[in-house]
Protein backbone atom coordinates (compact mmCIF):
# COMPACT_ATOMS: atom_id res chain seq x y z
CA MET A 1 16.90 80.29 127.92
CA MET A 2 19.57 81.30 125.11
CA GLN A 3 21.71 83.92 126.01
CA ARG A 4 22.99 85.89 122.78
CA ILE A 5 26.96 86.87 122.76
CA THR A 6 29.48 88.53 120.34
CA LEU A 7 31.94 86.67 119.05
CA ARG A 8 34.95 88.61 116.74
CA LEU A 9 35.84 86.19 114.99
CA PRO A 10 38.56 86.49 110.92
CA GLU A 11 37.71 86.67 107.94
CA GLN A 12 38.85 83.45 107.12
CA GLN A 13 37.33 81.44 109.76
CA ILE A 14 33.65 83.00 109.27
CA GLY A 15 34.72 82.52 105.57
CA LEU A 16 35.26 78.17 106.10
CA LEU A 17 32.12 78.43 108.53
CA GLN A 18 30.40 79.41 105.67
CA GLN A 19 31.60 77.06 103.24
CA MET A 20 30.20 74.70 105.36
CA VAL A 21 27.00 75.73 105.56
CA ASP A 22 26.94 76.62 102.00
CA ALA A 23 27.37 72.15 101.73
CA GLY A 24 25.60 71.15 104.44
CA GLU A 25 26.78 70.83 107.32
CA TYR A 26 25.31 73.15 110.04
CA PRO A 27 21.72 75.20 109.37
CA ASN A 28 23.49 78.22 109.27
CA VAL A 29 26.62 79.88 110.59
CA SER A 30 25.75 80.18 114.34
CA GLU A 31 24.63 76.31 114.57
CA ALA A 32 28.53 75.59 113.68
CA VAL A 33 29.31 77.38 116.71
CA ARG A 34 27.54 76.52 118.71
CA ALA A 35 28.47 72.69 117.43
CA ALA A 36 31.79 74.12 118.34
CA VAL A 37 31.57 74.79 121.84
CA ARG A 38 29.57 71.94 122.85
CA ASP A 39 32.81 69.54 121.37
CA LEU A 40 35.16 71.98 123.66
CA VAL A 41 32.92 72.14 126.56
CA GLU A 42 32.11 68.22 126.23
CA LYS A 43 36.06 67.91 125.52
CA ARG A 44 37.43 70.38 128.28
CA ALA A 45 34.53 71.43 130.42
CA GLY A 46 35.90 67.40 132.80
CA ARG A 47 39.16 68.48 133.80
CA VAL A 48 37.69 71.97 134.51
CA LEU A 49 36.02 71.17 136.88
CA LYS A 50 37.96 68.46 138.09
CA ASP A 51 40.78 70.93 138.48
CA ASN A 52 38.33 73.22 140.73
CA ASP A 53 37.76 70.53 142.77
CA GLN A 54 41.34 69.88 144.05
CA VAL A 55 42.24 73.25 144.36
CA SER A 56 39.45 73.88 146.76
CA PHE A 57 40.78 70.17 148.33
CA LYS A 58 44.20 72.19 148.95
CA VAL A 59 42.59 74.80 150.51
């Protein structure tokens, strides 16, 4: 199940997202933002989880 969040972005970023939609890269702005979040999570979540594990071992 997906949850809704509110996100504020500068107009320039919204405009660029809309240009990507208009160019056919994404079906809509929401999907473009979801893709960006997926990329961020894939790149950074492992490190965050590893850091959290290290903290728990120090306690």
